[in-house]
Amino acid sequence: MFNKDVLDALIREFGIQNAILYCKMEARKSELMLQDSVDRGEIGSSEWEYERDFWKENEKELSNNVKIKKDGEFIRVTTKQPKSNHRDKAVVLRKTSR
């Protein structure tokens, strides 16, 4: 499963705000892991760079594209596909009760 598939599943299951937080946390974790591998002189830390950049980029994209009604209900989120595929995808979400 690719990161984008994971993110889409998290959005569906936990909602946009929690997915944004997850992206932020995952980016930070990858940044810490990258710094640790650099500190230890490991070669091949580019995977951590990729992970950090992916999650950080998606956190910003989701944060910038969320439109919220005054009552806090999400109306519409527009996300872009990875740069290799420039089609836009619209996702309509409803507030769920817990």
PDB file of N, CA and C in Angstrom:
ATOM      1  N   MET A   1       0.856  -1.171   0.000  1.00  0.00           N
ATOM      2  CA  MET A   1       0.000   0.000   0.000  1.00  0.00           C
ATOM      3  C   MET A   1       0.904   1.237   0.000  1.00  0.00           C
ATOM      4  N   PHE A   2       0.582   2.173  -0.861  1.00  0.00           N
ATOM      5  CA  PHE A   2       1.361   3.403  -0.972  1.00  0.00           C
ATOM      6  C   PHE A   2       0.891   4.429   0.065  1.00  0.00           C
ATOM      7  N   ASN A   3       1.761   5.402   0.368  1.00  0.00           N
ATOM      8  CA  ASN A   3       1.421   6.443   1.340  1.00  0.00           C
ATOM      9  C   ASN A   3       0.106   7.142   1.004  1.00  0.00           C
ATOM     10  N   LYS A   4      -0.120   7.421  -0.266  1.00  0.00           N
ATOM     11  CA  LYS A   4      -1.345   8.122  -0.680  1.00  0.00           C
ATOM     12  C   LYS A   4      -2.580   7.284  -0.346  1.00  0.00           C
ATOM     13  N   ASP A   5      -2.477   5.974  -0.539  1.00  0.00           N
ATOM     14  CA  ASP A   5      -3.589   5.084  -0.196  1.00  0.00           C
ATOM     15  C   ASP A   5      -3.840   5.080   1.309  1.00  0.00           C
ATOM     16  N   VAL A   6      -2.755   5.083   2.084  1.00  0.00           N
ATOM     17  CA  VAL A   6      -2.875   5.133   3.542  1.00  0.00           C
ATOM     18  C   VAL A   6      -3.557   6.429   3.954  1.00  0.00           C
ATOM     19  N   LEU A   7      -3.110   7.540   3.383  1.00  0.00           N
ATOM     20  CA  LEU A   7      -3.691   8.841   3.718  1.00  0.00           C
ATOM     21  C   LEU A   7      -5.179   8.890   3.371  1.00  0.00           C
ATOM     22  N   ASP A   8      -5.544   8.402   2.206  1.00  0.00           N
ATOM     23  CA  ASP A   8      -6.959   8.386   1.817  1.00  0.00           C
ATOM     24  C   ASP A   8      -7.792   7.563   2.802  1.00  0.00           C
ATOM     25  N   ALA A   9      -7.265   6.418   3.237  1.00  0.00           N
ATOM     26  CA  ALA A   9      -7.984   5.578   4.188  1.00  0.00           C
ATOM     27  C   ALA A   9      -8.118   6.279   5.544  1.00  0.00           C
ATOM     28  N   LEU A  10      -7.062   6.964   5.978  1.00  0.00           N
ATOM     29  CA  LEU A  10      -7.115   7.696   7.250  1.00  0.00           C
ATOM     30  C   LEU A  10      -8.144   8.823   7.194  1.00  0.00           C
ATOM     31  N   ILE A  11      -8.211   9.511   6.080  1.00  0.00           N
ATOM     32  CA  ILE A  11      -9.190  10.588   5.916  1.00  0.00           C
ATOM     33  C   ILE A  11     -10.605  10.023   6.030  1.00  0.00           C
ATOM     34  N   ARG A  12     -10.853   8.921   5.338  1.00  0.00           N
ATOM     35  CA  ARG A  12     -12.184   8.313   5.382  1.00  0.00           C
ATOM     36  C   ARG A  12     -12.537   7.831   6.790  1.00  0.00           C
ATOM     37  N   GLU A  13     -11.573   7.239   7.475  1.00  0.00           N
ATOM     38  CA  GLU A  13     -11.866   6.628   8.772  1.00  0.00           C
ATOM     39  C   GLU A  13     -11.865   7.622   9.937  1.00  0.00           C
ATOM     40  N   PHE A  14     -10.939   8.594   9.912  1.00  0.00           N
ATOM     41  CA  PHE A  14     -10.759   9.469  11.068  1.00  0.00           C
ATOM     42  C   PHE A  14     -11.072  10.933  10.809  1.00  0.00           C
ATOM     43  N   GLY A  15     -11.301  11.313   9.555  1.00  0.00           N
ATOM     44  CA  GLY A  15     -11.606  12.692   9.229  1.00  0.00           C
ATOM     45  C   GLY A  15     -10.356  13.509   8.914  1.00  0.00           C
ATOM     46  N   ILE A  16     -10.603  14.661   8.313  1.00  0.00           N
ATOM     47  CA  ILE A  16      -9.524  15.521   7.828  1.00  0.00           C
ATOM     48  C   ILE A  16      -8.645  16.049   8.951  1.00  0.00           C
ATOM     49  N   GLN A  17      -9.240  16.564  10.014  1.00  0.00           N
ATOM     50  CA  GLN A  17      -8.425  17.169  11.068  1.00  0.00           C
ATOM     51  C   GLN A  17      -7.469  16.154  11.685  1.00  0.00           C
ATOM     52  N   ASN A  18      -7.932  14.947  11.924  1.00  0.00           N
ATOM     53  CA  ASN A  18      -7.049  13.918  12.466  1.00  0.00           C
ATOM     54  C   ASN A  18      -6.008  13.482  11.442  1.00  0.00           C
ATOM     55  N   ALA A  19      -6.371  13.453  10.173  1.00  0.00           N
ATOM     56  CA  ALA A  19      -5.408  13.102   9.133  1.00  0.00           C
ATOM     57  C   ALA A  19      -4.317  14.170   9.023  1.00  0.00           C
ATOM     58  N   ILE A  20      -4.691  15.432   9.184  1.00  0.00           N
ATOM     59  CA  ILE A  20      -3.705  16.516   9.173  1.00  0.00           C
ATOM     60  C   ILE A  20      -2.724  16.337  10.327  1.00  0.00           C
ATOM     61  N   LEU A  21      -3.245  16.043  11.500  1.00  0.00           N
ATOM     62  CA  LEU A  21      -2.382  15.814  12.655  1.00  0.00           C
ATOM     63  C   LEU A  21      -1.466  14.617  12.417  1.00  0.00           C
ATOM     64  N   TYR A  22      -1.999  13.537  11.859  1.00  0.00           N
ATOM     65  CA  TYR A  22      -1.188  12.359  11.565  1.00  0.00           C
ATOM     66  C   TYR A  22      -0.056  12.716  10.593  1.00  0.00           C
ATOM     67  N   CYS A  23      -0.380  13.476   9.565  1.00  0.00           N
ATOM     68  CA  CYS A  23       0.644  13.891   8.595  1.00  0.00           C
ATOM     69  C   CYS A  23       1.755  14.665   9.293  1.00  0.00           C
ATOM     70  N   LYS A  24       1.360  15.569  10.166  1.00  0.00           N
ATOM     71  CA  LYS A  24       2.332  16.384  10.907  1.00  0.00           C
ATOM     72  C   LYS A  24       3.224  15.497  11.784  1.00  0.00           C
ATOM     73  N   MET A  25       2.606  14.542  12.459  1.00  0.00           N
ATOM     74  CA  MET A  25       3.355  13.656  13.348  1.00  0.00           C
ATOM     75  C   MET A  25       4.272  12.718  12.552  1.00  0.00           C
ATOM     76  N   GLU A  26       3.781  12.200  11.462  1.00  0.00           N
ATOM     77  CA  GLU A  26       4.580  11.283  10.631  1.00  0.00           C
ATOM     78  C   GLU A  26       5.761  12.022  10.003  1.00  0.00           C
ATOM     79  N   ALA A  27       5.539  13.259   9.585  1.00  0.00           N
ATOM     80  CA  ALA A  27       6.638  14.068   9.032  1.00  0.00           C
ATOM     81  C   ALA A  27       7.704  14.304  10.094  1.00  0.00           C
ATOM     82  N   ARG A  28       7.277  14.617  11.307  1.00  0.00           N
ATOM     83  CA  ARG A  28       8.233  14.854  12.404  1.00  0.00           C
ATOM     84  C   ARG A  28       9.006  13.594  12.747  1.00  0.00           C
ATOM     85  N   LYS A  29       8.299  12.442  12.787  1.00  0.00           N
ATOM     86  CA  LYS A  29       8.966  11.171  13.057  1.00  0.00           C
ATOM     87  C   LYS A  29      10.031  10.897  12.003  1.00  0.00           C
ATOM     88  N   SER A  30       9.693  11.109  10.751  1.00  0.00           N
ATOM     89  CA  SER A  30      10.642  10.865   9.662  1.00  0.00           C
ATOM     90  C   SER A  30      11.827  11.821   9.751  1.00  0.00           C
ATOM     91  N   GLU A  31      11.568  13.047  10.169  1.00  0.00           N
ATOM     92  CA  GLU A  31      12.646  14.019  10.348  1.00  0.00           C
ATOM     93  C   GLU A  31      13.604  13.569  11.457  1.00  0.00           C
ATOM     94  N   LEU A  32      13.047  13.076  12.550  1.00  0.00           N
ATOM     95  CA  LEU A  32      13.880  12.564  13.643  1.00  0.00           C
ATOM     96  C   LEU A  32      14.693  11.346  13.206  1.00  0.00           C
ATOM     97  N   MET A  33      14.061  10.450  12.469  1.00  0.00           N
ATOM     98  CA  MET A  33      14.754   9.262  11.983  1.00  0.00           C
ATOM     99  C   MET A  33      15.865   9.641  10.988  1.00  0.00           C
ATOM    100  N   LEU A  34      15.581  10.613  10.147  1.00  0.00           N
ATOM    101  CA  LEU A  34      16.586  11.101   9.199  1.00  0.00           C
ATOM    102  C   LEU A  34      17.781  11.672   9.944  1.00  0.00           C
ATOM    103  N   GLN A  35      17.515  12.524  10.929  1.00  0.00           N
ATOM    104  CA  GLN A  35      18.609  13.134  11.687  1.00  0.00           C
ATOM    105  C   GLN A  35      19.437  12.071  12.404  1.00  0.00           C
ATOM    106  N   ASP A  36      18.765  11.064  12.948  1.00  0.00           N
ATOM    107  CA  ASP A  36      19.470   9.977  13.625  1.00  0.00           C
ATOM    108  C   ASP A  36      20.358   9.211  12.657  1.00  0.00           C
ATOM    109  N   SER A  37      19.850   8.919  11.474  1.00  0.00           N
ATOM    110  CA  SER A  37      20.659   8.166  10.506  1.00  0.00           C
ATOM    111  C   SER A  37      21.830   9.002   9.992  1.00  0.00           C
ATOM    112  N   VAL A  38      21.637  10.306   9.859  1.00  0.00           N
ATOM    113  CA  VAL A  38      22.727  11.193   9.449  1.00  0.00           C
ATOM    114  C   VAL A  38      23.781  11.245  10.558  1.00  0.00           C
ATOM    115  N   ASP A  39      23.326  11.376  11.806  1.00  0.00           N
ATOM    116  CA  ASP A  39      24.249  11.427  12.947  1.00  0.00           C
ATOM    117  C   ASP A  39      25.097  10.166  13.058  1.00  0.00           C
ATOM    118  N   ARG A  40      24.523   9.024  12.679  1.00  0.00           N
ATOM    119  CA  ARG A  40      25.251   7.760  12.741  1.00  0.00           C
ATOM    120  C   ARG A  40      26.043   7.483  11.470  1.00  0.00           C
ATOM    121  N   GLY A  41      25.976   8.420  10.508  1.00  0.00           N
ATOM    122  CA  GLY A  41      26.732   8.268   9.267  1.00  0.00           C
ATOM    123  C   GLY A  41      26.200   7.207   8.330  1.00  0.00           C
ATOM    124  N   GLU A  42      24.929   6.872   8.472  1.00  0.00           N
ATOM    125  CA  GLU A  42      24.339   5.854   7.602  1.00  0.00           C
ATOM    126  C   GLU A  42      24.141   6.386   6.197  1.00  0.00           C
ATOM    127  N   ILE A  43      24.355   5.533   5.252  1.00  0.00           N
ATOM    128  CA  ILE A  43      24.101   5.862   3.848  1.00  0.00           C
ATOM    129  C   ILE A  43      22.702   5.357   3.519  1.00  0.00           C
ATOM    130  N   GLY A  44      22.008   6.061   2.655  1.00  0.00           N
ATOM    131  CA  GLY A  44      20.679   5.615   2.254  1.00  0.00           C
ATOM    132  C   GLY A  44      19.566   6.184   3.106  1.00  0.00           C
ATOM    133  N   SER A  45      19.780   7.360   3.636  1.00  0.00           N
ATOM    134  CA  SER A  45      18.740   7.995   4.445  1.00  0.00           C
ATOM    135  C   SER A  45      17.707   8.714   3.582  1.00  0.00           C
ATOM    136  N   SER A  46      17.817   8.560   2.265  1.00  0.00           N
ATOM    137  CA  SER A  46      16.882   9.245   1.372  1.00  0.00           C
ATOM    138  C   SER A  46      15.447   8.755   1.550  1.00  0.00           C
ATOM    139  N   GLU A  47      15.266   7.533   2.052  1.00  0.00           N
ATOM    140  CA  GLU A  47      13.909   7.040   2.317  1.00  0.00           C
ATOM    141  C   GLU A  47      13.246   7.896   3.391  1.00  0.00           C
ATOM    142  N   TRP A  48      13.996   8.261   4.432  1.00  0.00           N
ATOM    143  CA  TRP A  48      13.450   9.126   5.479  1.00  0.00           C
ATOM    144  C   TRP A  48      13.159  10.513   4.938  1.00  0.00           C
ATOM    145  N   GLU A  49      14.005  11.000   4.030  1.00  0.00           N
ATOM    146  CA  GLU A  49      13.746  12.304   3.405  1.00  0.00           C
ATOM    147  C   GLU A  49      12.459  12.261   2.600  1.00  0.00           C
ATOM    148  N   TYR A  50      12.294  11.188   1.825  1.00  0.00           N
ATOM    149  CA  TYR A  50      11.083  11.031   1.021  1.00  0.00           C
ATOM    150  C   TYR A  50       9.848  11.009   1.921  1.00  0.00           C
ATOM    151  N   GLU A  51       9.893  10.192   2.982  1.00  0.00           N
ATOM    152  CA  GLU A  51       8.753  10.083   3.897  1.00  0.00           C
ATOM    153  C   GLU A  51       8.443  11.434   4.534  1.00  0.00           C
ATOM    154  N   ARG A  52       9.469  12.125   5.031  1.00  0.00           N
ATOM    155  CA  ARG A  52       9.272  13.437   5.654  1.00  0.00           C
ATOM    156  C   ARG A  52       8.614  14.404   4.679  1.00  0.00           C
ATOM    157  N   ASP A  53       9.146  14.454   3.470  1.00  0.00           N
ATOM    158  CA  ASP A  53       8.631  15.392   2.476  1.00  0.00           C
ATOM    159  C   ASP A  53       7.205  15.053   2.058  1.00  0.00           C
ATOM    160  N   PHE A  54       6.916  13.763   1.892  1.00  0.00           N
ATOM    161  CA  PHE A  54       5.566  13.360   1.507  1.00  0.00           C
ATOM    162  C   PHE A  54       4.545  13.802   2.545  1.00  0.00           C
ATOM    163  N   TRP A  55       4.796  13.463   3.822  1.00  0.00           N
ATOM    164  CA  TRP A  55       3.820  13.761   4.865  1.00  0.00           C
ATOM    165  C   TRP A  55       3.723  15.256   5.136  1.00  0.00           C
ATOM    166  N   LYS A  56       4.856  15.959   5.071  1.00  0.00           N
ATOM    167  CA  LYS A  56       4.840  17.412   5.293  1.00  0.00           C
ATOM    168  C   LYS A  56       4.067  18.102   4.175  1.00  0.00           C
ATOM    169  N   GLU A  57       4.297  17.687   2.939  1.00  0.00           N
ATOM    170  CA  GLU A  57       3.597  18.276   1.793  1.00  0.00           C
ATOM    171  C   GLU A  57       2.090  18.030   1.881  1.00  0.00           C
ATOM    172  N   ASN A  58       1.703  16.830   2.264  1.00  0.00           N
ATOM    173  CA  ASN A  58       0.275  16.518   2.358  1.00  0.00           C
ATOM    174  C   ASN A  58      -0.391  17.206   3.543  1.00  0.00           C
ATOM    175  N   GLU A  59       0.341  17.401   4.629  1.00  0.00           N
ATOM    176  CA  GLU A  59      -0.199  18.150   5.765  1.00  0.00           C
ATOM    177  C   GLU A  59      -0.505  19.581   5.347  1.00  0.00           C
ATOM    178  N   LYS A  60       0.424  20.198   4.624  1.00  0.00           N
ATOM    179  CA  LYS A  60       0.210  21.573   4.154  1.00  0.00           C
ATOM    180  C   LYS A  60      -0.925  21.635   3.149  1.00  0.00           C
ATOM    181  N   GLU A  61      -0.948  20.682   2.227  1.00  0.00           N
ATOM    182  CA  GLU A  61      -1.986  20.668   1.196  1.00  0.00           C
ATOM    183  C   GLU A  61      -3.374  20.498   1.807  1.00  0.00           C
ATOM    184  N   LEU A  62      -3.511  19.574   2.736  1.00  0.00           N
ATOM    185  CA  LEU A  62      -4.805  19.372   3.390  1.00  0.00           C
ATOM    186  C   LEU A  62      -5.196  20.593   4.200  1.00  0.00           C
ATOM    187  N   SER A  63      -4.254  21.157   4.934  1.00  0.00           N
ATOM    188  CA  SER A  63      -4.540  22.342   5.751  1.00  0.00           C
ATOM    189  C   SER A  63      -4.981  23.520   4.899  1.00  0.00           C
ATOM    190  N   ASN A  64      -4.357  23.695   3.750  1.00  0.00           N
ATOM    191  CA  ASN A  64      -4.684  24.824   2.875  1.00  0.00           C
ATOM    192  C   ASN A  64      -5.987  24.639   2.115  1.00  0.00           C
ATOM    193  N   ASN A  65      -6.416  23.404   1.926  1.00  0.00           N
ATOM    194  CA  ASN A  65      -7.578  23.146   1.080  1.00  0.00           C
ATOM    195  C   ASN A  65      -8.853  22.793   1.834  1.00  0.00           C
ATOM    196  N   VAL A  66      -8.797  22.775   3.153  1.00  0.00           N
ATOM    197  CA  VAL A  66      -9.989  22.450   3.931  1.00  0.00           C
ATOM    198  C   VAL A  66     -10.857  23.698   4.044  1.00  0.00           C
ATOM    199  N   LYS A  67     -12.100  23.560   3.683  1.00  0.00           N
ATOM    200  CA  LYS A  67     -13.067  24.643   3.826  1.00  0.00           C
ATOM    201  C   LYS A  67     -14.045  24.203   4.908  1.00  0.00           C
ATOM    202  N   ILE A  68     -14.203  25.010   5.944  1.00  0.00           N
ATOM    203  CA  ILE A  68     -15.010  24.620   7.100  1.00  0.00           C
ATOM    204  C   ILE A  68     -16.149  25.608   7.304  1.00  0.00           C
ATOM    205  N   LYS A  69     -17.342  25.079   7.513  1.00  0.00           N
ATOM    206  CA  LYS A  69     -18.489  25.930   7.858  1.00  0.00           C
ATOM    207  C   LYS A  69     -18.291  26.469   9.269  1.00  0.00           C
ATOM    208  N   LYS A  70     -19.048  27.484   9.626  1.00  0.00           N
ATOM    209  CA  LYS A  70     -18.919  28.083  10.947  1.00  0.00           C
ATOM    210  C   LYS A  70     -19.204  27.097  12.066  1.00  0.00           C
ATOM    211  N   ASP A  71     -20.085  26.120  11.831  1.00  0.00           N
ATOM    212  CA  ASP A  71     -20.407  25.164  12.889  1.00  0.00           C
ATOM    213  C   ASP A  71     -19.360  24.065  13.013  1.00  0.00           C
ATOM    214  N   GLY A  72     -18.315  24.138  12.201  1.00  0.00           N
ATOM    215  CA  GLY A  72     -17.226  23.175  12.289  1.00  0.00           C
ATOM    216  C   GLY A  72     -17.369  21.981  11.370  1.00  0.00           C
ATOM    217  N   GLU A  73     -18.441  21.898  10.621  1.00  0.00           N
ATOM    218  CA  GLU A  73     -18.642  20.760   9.729  1.00  0.00           C
ATOM    219  C   GLU A  73     -17.824  20.969   8.451  1.00  0.00           C
ATOM    220  N   PHE A  74     -17.139  19.926   8.013  1.00  0.00           N
ATOM    221  CA  PHE A  74     -16.376  20.002   6.772  1.00  0.00           C
ATOM    222  C   PHE A  74     -17.342  19.983   5.598  1.00  0.00           C
ATOM    223  N   ILE A  75     -17.111  20.857   4.640  1.00  0.00           N
ATOM    224  CA  ILE A  75     -17.958  20.864   3.463  1.00  0.00           C
ATOM    225  C   ILE A  75     -17.266  20.138   2.307  1.00  0.00           C
ATOM    226  N   ARG A  76     -16.072  20.556   1.984  1.00  0.00           N
ATOM    227  CA  ARG A  76     -15.400  20.006   0.814  1.00  0.00           C
ATOM    228  C   ARG A  76     -13.894  20.126   0.982  1.00  0.00           C
ATOM    229  N   VAL A  77     -13.212  19.107   0.532  1.00  0.00           N
ATOM    230  CA  VAL A  77     -11.753  19.123   0.545  1.00  0.00           C
ATOM    231  C   VAL A  77     -11.299  18.802  -0.865  1.00  0.00           C
ATOM    232  N   THR A  78     -10.407  19.609  -1.388  1.00  0.00           N
ATOM    233  CA  THR A  78      -9.864  19.347  -2.713  1.00  0.00           C
ATOM    234  C   THR A  78      -8.391  19.018  -2.564  1.00  0.00           C
ATOM    235  N   THR A  79      -8.014  17.850  -3.032  1.00  0.00           N
ATOM    236  CA  THR A  79      -6.606  17.465  -2.972  1.00  0.00           C
ATOM    237  C   THR A  79      -6.119  17.167  -4.373  1.00  0.00           C
ATOM    238  N   LYS A  80      -4.843  17.374  -4.575  1.00  0.00           N
ATOM    239  CA  LYS A  80      -4.249  17.086  -5.874  1.00  0.00           C
ATOM    240  C   LYS A  80      -3.551  15.738  -5.817  1.00  0.00           C
ATOM    241  N   GLN A  81      -3.551  15.060  -6.928  1.00  0.00           N
ATOM    242  CA  GLN A  81      -2.838  13.799  -7.047  1.00  0.00           C
ATOM    243  C   GLN A  81      -1.341  14.089  -7.022  1.00  0.00           C
ATOM    244  N   PRO A  82      -0.509  13.063  -6.842  1.00  0.00           N
ATOM    245  CA  PRO A  82       0.937  13.288  -6.889  1.00  0.00           C
ATOM    246  C   PRO A  82       1.337  14.022  -8.166  1.00  0.00           C
ATOM    247  N   LYS A  83       2.471  14.704  -8.115  1.00  0.00           N
ATOM    248  CA  LYS A  83       2.889  15.567  -9.205  1.00  0.00           C
ATOM    249  C   LYS A  83       2.936  14.881 -10.564  1.00  0.00           C
ATOM    250  N   SER A  84       3.113  13.572 -10.593  1.00  0.00           N
ATOM    251  CA  SER A  84       3.151  12.862 -11.871  1.00  0.00           C
ATOM    252  C   SER A  84       1.778  12.789 -12.531  1.00  0.00           C
ATOM    253  N   ASN A  85       0.736  13.046 -11.759  1.00  0.00           N
ATOM    254  CA  ASN A  85      -0.623  12.975 -12.277  1.00  0.00           C
ATOM    255  C   ASN A  85      -1.348  14.243 -11.821  1.00  0.00           C
ATOM    256  N   HIS A  86      -1.547  15.207 -12.704  1.00  0.00           N
ATOM    257  CA  HIS A  86      -2.032  16.525 -12.317  1.00  0.00           C
ATOM    258  C   HIS A  86      -3.545  16.669 -12.274  1.00  0.00           C
ATOM    259  N   ARG A  87      -4.274  15.559 -12.260  1.00  0.00           N
ATOM    260  CA  ARG A  87      -5.726  15.665 -12.149  1.00  0.00           C
ATOM    261  C   ARG A  87      -6.113  16.026 -10.733  1.00  0.00           C
ATOM    262  N   ASP A  88      -7.164  16.801 -10.588  1.00  0.00           N
ATOM    263  CA  ASP A  88      -7.673  17.155  -9.262  1.00  0.00           C
ATOM    264  C   ASP A  88      -8.714  16.131  -8.841  1.00  0.00           C
ATOM    265  N   LYS A  89      -8.806  15.929  -7.562  1.00  0.00           N
ATOM    266  CA  LYS A  89      -9.787  15.004  -7.015  1.00  0.00           C
ATOM    267  C   LYS A  89     -10.526  15.734  -5.903  1.00  0.00           C
ATOM    268  N   ALA A  90     -11.843  15.713  -5.956  1.00  0.00           N
ATOM    269  CA  ALA A  90     -12.631  16.355  -4.908  1.00  0.00           C
ATOM    270  C   ALA A  90     -13.216  15.266  -4.015  1.00  0.00           C
ATOM    271  N   VAL A  91     -13.140  15.496  -2.721  1.00  0.00           N
ATOM    272  CA  VAL A  91     -13.687  14.584  -1.750  1.00  0.00           C
ATOM    273  C   VAL A  91     -14.689  15.352  -0.906  1.00  0.00           C
ATOM    274  N   VAL A  92     -15.900  14.869  -0.831  1.00  0.00           N
ATOM    275  CA  VAL A  92     -16.907  15.531  -0.006  1.00  0.00           C
ATOM    276  C   VAL A  92     -17.047  14.720   1.269  1.00  0.00           C
ATOM    277  N   LEU A  93     -16.893  15.390   2.394  1.00  0.00           N
ATOM    278  CA  LEU A  93     -16.941  14.715   3.680  1.00  0.00           C
ATOM    279  C   LEU A  93     -18.064  15.268   4.521  1.00  0.00           C
ATOM    280  N   ARG A  94     -18.629  14.432   5.367  1.00  0.00           N
ATOM    281  CA  ARG A  94     -19.645  14.846   6.309  1.00  0.00           C
ATOM    282  C   ARG A  94     -19.137  14.621   7.710  1.00  0.00           C
ATOM    283  N   LYS A  95     -19.556  15.472   8.598  1.00  0.00           N
ATOM    284  CA  LYS A  95     -19.180  15.316   9.996  1.00  0.00           C
ATOM    285  C   LYS A  95     -19.805  14.038  10.522  1.00  0.00           C
ATOM    286  N   THR A  96     -19.021  13.247  11.245  1.00  0.00           N
ATOM    287  CA  THR A  96     -19.540  12.002  11.783  1.00  0.00           C
ATOM    288  C   THR A  96     -19.735  12.142  13.283  1.00  0.00           C
ATOM    289  N   SER A  97     -20.707  11.441  13.793  1.00  0.00           N
ATOM    290  CA  SER A  97     -20.928  11.466  15.236  1.00  0.00           C
ATOM    291  C   SER A  97     -20.150  10.337  15.871  1.00  0.00           C
ATOM    292  N   ARG A  98     -19.676  10.551  17.069  1.00  0.00           N
ATOM    293  CA  ARG A  98     -18.902   9.529  17.786  1.00  0.00           C
ATOM    294  C   ARG A  98     -19.536   9.234  19.100  1.00  0.00           C
TER     295      ARG A  98
END
